[in-house]
Amino acid sequence: MPGRFIVFEGPDGAGKTTQAARLARRREERGEEVVLLREPGGTPAGEAIRDLILAPETDLVPLTEMLLYQAARAQLVTAVLRPALEAGKTVILDRYAYSTLAYQGYGLGLSVEEVRAVTRVATGGLEPERVLFLDLAPEIGLKRVTGARDRIESRPLEYHRRVREGFLAEARRLGPRAVVLDATSPADHLAAEIERVLERL
């Protein structure tokens, strides 16, 4: 497709939302038409699913949790993401399928291959050009989380360690399309490194 598709991934507190917004701003200044999105969310249905999943009082078994994420993703891809790419826009996405693999697959113990299969259905096989994994230890990331923790952030530290390992495993699997960046770097330094990585595309 004529558009550009860039994804930010990583554990909670890694700075994905901040860096995605900064990149979107820089690309708009260069004259690109940019669509900045987040997962789960980006559509009315996706935002409603987000509220349900993250609410501390919600009680979900792992399979239900995974399928809700995939439902929100299917809506986003079909209604917003794919049309934007077909129109030649730059799509910058804060989390994508790799988060579901990390959090519900590696983290909660669901079969990673089964999660991957459901993801292919939800996305229609749509893959990003580049995945930027912002990496840091969960002990650091969770301290960066401001305000009350949501249902996922409140899980035990060992769970978040498994999630981080899942992200790193997915980065290795993706090969050249994935770049792992040190999220403990100062924000300006990290933003500059992201630009250097994307310029090499």
Protein backbone atom coordinates (compact mmCIF):
# COMPACT_ATOMS: atom_id res chain seq x y z
CA MET A 1 0.00 0.00 0.00
CA PRO A 2 1.19 3.56 -0.64
CA GLY A 3 1.10 4.64 3.03
CA ARG A 4 3.72 4.12 5.74
CA PHE A 5 2.93 1.96 8.78
CA ILE A 6 5.07 2.36 11.93
CA VAL A 7 4.35 0.67 15.27
CA PHE A 8 5.63 1.43 18.77
CA GLU A 9 5.76 -1.49 21.21
CA GLY A 10 7.12 -2.19 24.66
CA PRO A 11 6.30 -2.63 28.34
CA ASP A 12 4.25 -0.24 30.43
CA GLY A 13 6.10 2.98 31.20
CA ALA A 14 8.50 2.70 28.26
CA GLY A 15 7.39 6.03 26.74
CA LYS A 16 5.64 4.68 23.64
CA THR A 17 2.80 7.20 23.72
CA THR A 18 5.20 10.13 24.14
CA GLN A 19 7.52 9.02 21.35
CA ALA A 20 4.67 8.16 18.98
CA ALA A 21 3.22 11.65 19.44
CA ARG A 22 6.62 13.27 18.91
CA LEU A 23 7.22 11.29 15.74
CA ALA A 24 3.75 12.18 14.42
CA ARG A 25 4.43 15.87 15.05
CA ARG A 26 7.79 15.74 13.25
CA ARG A 27 6.29 13.93 10.26
CA GLU A 28 3.46 16.47 10.00
CA GLU A 29 6.03 19.27 10.01
CA ARG A 30 7.65 17.56 7.01
CA GLY A 31 4.35 17.69 5.16
CA GLU A 32 3.20 14.11 5.64
CA GLU A 33 -0.45 13.37 6.35
CA VAL A 34 -0.27 11.46 9.61
CA VAL A 35 -2.81 9.32 11.46
CA LEU A 36 -1.83 8.70 15.09
CA LEU A 37 -3.67 5.78 16.71
CA ARG A 38 -3.56 3.65 19.83
CA GLU A 39 -4.54 0.11 20.73
CA PRO A 40 -6.94 -0.86 22.00
CA GLY A 41 -8.92 2.10 20.73
CA GLY A 42 -9.04 4.36 17.72
CA THR A 43 -12.73 3.67 17.06
CA PRO A 44 -15.82 4.04 19.27
CA ALA A 45 -16.05 0.26 19.62
CA GLY A 46 -12.32 -0.02 20.34
CA GLU A 47 -12.45 2.66 23.03
CA ALA A 48 -15.40 0.92 24.71
CA ILE A 49 -13.49 -2.38 24.67
CA ARG A 50 -10.44 -0.57 26.11
CA ASP A 51 -12.49 0.75 29.03
CA LEU A 52 -13.85 -2.74 29.72
CA ILE A 53 -10.48 -4.51 29.57
CA LEU A 54 -8.55 -2.02 31.70
CA ALA A 55 -11.18 -1.39 34.39
CA PRO A 56 -9.88 -2.83 37.70
CA GLU A 57 -13.28 -4.33 38.50
CA THR A 58 -13.51 -6.32 35.24
CA ASP A 59 -13.07 -10.08 35.67
CA LEU A 60 -11.86 -11.82 32.50
CA VAL A 61 -10.32 -15.20 31.82
CA PRO A 62 -7.18 -14.99 29.62
CA LEU A 63 -8.91 -16.25 26.46
CA THR A 64 -11.69 -13.66 26.75
CA GLU A 65 -9.15 -10.92 27.34
CA MET A 66 -7.19 -11.90 24.24
CA LEU A 67 -10.29 -12.09 22.05
CA LEU A 68 -11.47 -8.65 23.19
CA TYR A 69 -8.13 -7.15 22.19
CA GLN A 70 -8.40 -8.87 18.82
CA ALA A 71 -11.97 -7.60 18.32
CA ALA A 72 -10.85 -4.02 18.93
CA ARG A 73 -7.93 -4.57 16.54
CA ALA A 74 -10.16 -5.97 13.77
CA GLN A 75 -12.39 -2.90 14.00
CA LEU A 76 -9.43 -0.52 13.90
CA VAL A 77 -7.71 -2.22 10.97
CA THR A 78 -10.85 -2.42 8.86
CA ALA A 79 -12.43 0.94 9.67
CA VAL A 80 -9.40 3.23 10.04
CA LEU A 81 -5.94 1.77 9.58
CA ARG A 82 -6.15 0.05 6.22
CA PRO A 83 -8.14 2.91 4.57
CA ALA A 84 -5.53 5.40 5.80
CA LEU A 85 -2.67 3.37 4.32
CA GLU A 86 -4.55 2.93 1.05
CA ALA A 87 -4.94 6.73 0.93
CA GLY A 88 -1.17 7.15 1.21
CA LYS A 89 -1.11 8.41 4.80
CA THR A 90 1.52 7.69 7.43
CA VAL A 91 0.02 5.61 10.24
CA ILE A 92 1.80 5.66 13.61
CA LEU A 93 0.33 3.14 16.02
CA ASP A 94 0.87 2.95 19.78
CA ARG A 95 0.77 -0.87 20.31
CA TYR A 96 -0.30 -3.53 17.84
CA ALA A 97 -0.44 -7.32 17.63
CA TYR A 98 2.91 -7.81 19.39
CA SER A 99 1.39 -6.49 22.62
CA THR A 100 -1.26 -9.21 22.56
CA LEU A 101 1.41 -11.83 21.95
CA ALA A 102 3.47 -10.46 24.85
CA TYR A 103 0.73 -9.74 27.40
CA GLN A 104 -1.76 -12.52 26.76
CA GLY A 105 0.56 -15.09 25.16
CA TYR A 106 3.87 -14.93 27.02
CA GLY A 107 2.40 -13.14 30.05
CA LEU A 108 -0.79 -15.11 30.68
CA GLY A 109 0.36 -18.40 29.21
CA LEU A 110 -1.92 -18.67 26.18
CA SER A 111 -0.47 -20.51 23.20
CA VAL A 112 1.61 -17.97 21.30
CA GLU A 113 0.93 -19.75 18.02
CA GLU A 114 -2.81 -19.70 18.63
CA VAL A 115 -2.68 -15.99 19.49
CA ARG A 116 -0.69 -15.45 16.28
CA ALA A 117 -3.33 -17.31 14.27
CA VAL A 118 -6.19 -15.22 15.68
CA THR A 119 -4.13 -12.09 15.02
CA ARG A 120 -3.84 -12.99 11.33
CA VAL A 121 -7.63 -13.18 11.16
CA ALA A 122 -8.12 -9.89 13.04
CA THR A 123 -5.59 -7.95 10.95
CA GLY A 124 -6.08 -9.64 7.60
CA GLY A 125 -2.33 -10.20 7.63
CA LEU A 126 -1.52 -6.47 7.74
CA GLU A 127 2.07 -6.00 8.97
CA PRO A 128 3.96 -2.75 9.71
CA GLU A 129 7.06 -1.62 7.85
CA ARG A 130 8.93 -1.06 11.08
CA VAL A 131 8.31 -2.01 14.72
CA LEU A 132 10.09 0.08 17.34
CA PHE A 133 10.40 -1.86 20.59
CA LEU A 134 11.12 0.53 23.48
CA ASP A 135 12.72 -1.72 26.07
CA LEU A 136 13.26 -1.33 29.81
CA ALA A 137 13.00 -3.41 32.96
CA PRO A 138 9.46 -3.57 34.39
CA GLU A 139 10.81 -2.44 37.77
CA ILE A 140 11.65 0.89 36.11
CA GLY A 141 8.65 1.10 33.80
CA LEU A 142 6.00 0.54 36.45
CA LYS A 143 7.51 3.30 38.60
CA ARG A 144 6.97 5.68 35.67
CA VAL A 145 3.24 4.92 35.53
CA THR A 146 1.37 7.92 36.91
CA GLY A 147 -2.00 7.78 38.63
CA ALA A 148 -3.88 4.65 39.63
CA ARG A 149 -2.74 1.49 37.85
CA ASP A 150 -5.20 -0.21 35.53
CA ARG A 151 -6.07 -3.92 35.63
CA ILE A 152 -3.09 -4.96 33.51
CA GLU A 153 -0.53 -2.69 35.17
CA SER A 154 -1.61 -4.04 38.59
CA ARG A 155 -0.47 -7.57 37.84
CA PRO A 156 2.56 -9.02 39.68
CA LEU A 157 6.09 -8.07 38.71
CA GLU A 158 6.84 -11.61 37.51
CA TYR A 159 4.02 -11.28 34.97
CA HIS A 160 5.54 -8.06 33.62
CA ARG A 161 8.93 -9.74 33.36
CA ARG A 162 7.38 -12.44 31.17
CA VAL A 163 5.77 -9.72 29.05
CA ARG A 164 9.12 -8.03 28.52
CA GLU A 165 10.71 -11.33 27.48
CA GLY A 166 7.82 -11.81 25.08
CA PHE A 167 8.49 -8.47 23.43
CA LEU A 168 12.18 -9.28 23.05
CA ALA A 169 11.35 -12.70 21.60
CA GLU A 170 9.00 -11.10 19.06
CA ALA A 171 11.65 -8.54 18.12
CA ARG A 172 14.10 -11.35 17.40
CA ARG A 173 11.48 -13.19 15.35
CA LEU A 174 10.73 -10.11 13.21
CA GLY A 175 14.38 -9.68 12.26
CA PRO A 176 15.27 -6.54 10.26
CA ARG A 177 11.78 -5.01 10.55
CA ALA A 178 12.19 -4.69 14.33
CA VAL A 179 14.49 -2.40 16.27
CA VAL A 180 15.00 -2.60 20.04
CA LEU A 181 15.76 0.77 21.64
CA ASP A 182 16.84 1.59 25.18
CA ALA A 183 13.83 3.28 26.78
CA THR A 184 15.92 4.47 29.73
CA SER A 185 17.61 6.99 27.40
CA PRO A 186 16.59 10.65 27.73
CA ALA A 187 13.48 11.41 25.66
CA ASP A 188 15.31 13.72 23.23
CA HIS A 189 18.08 11.19 22.64
CA LEU A 190 15.53 8.43 22.08
CA ALA A 191 13.58 10.60 19.62
CA ALA A 192 16.76 11.27 17.64
CA GLU A 193 17.60 7.57 17.56
CA ILE A 194 14.10 6.77 16.29
CA GLU A 195 14.61 9.24 13.43
CA ARG A 196 17.93 7.64 12.52
CA VAL A 197 16.32 4.19 12.49
CA LEU A 198 13.46 5.32 10.26
CA GLU A 199 15.74 7.19 7.88
CA ARG A 200 17.43 3.88 7.13
CA LEU A 201 14.18 2.44 5.75
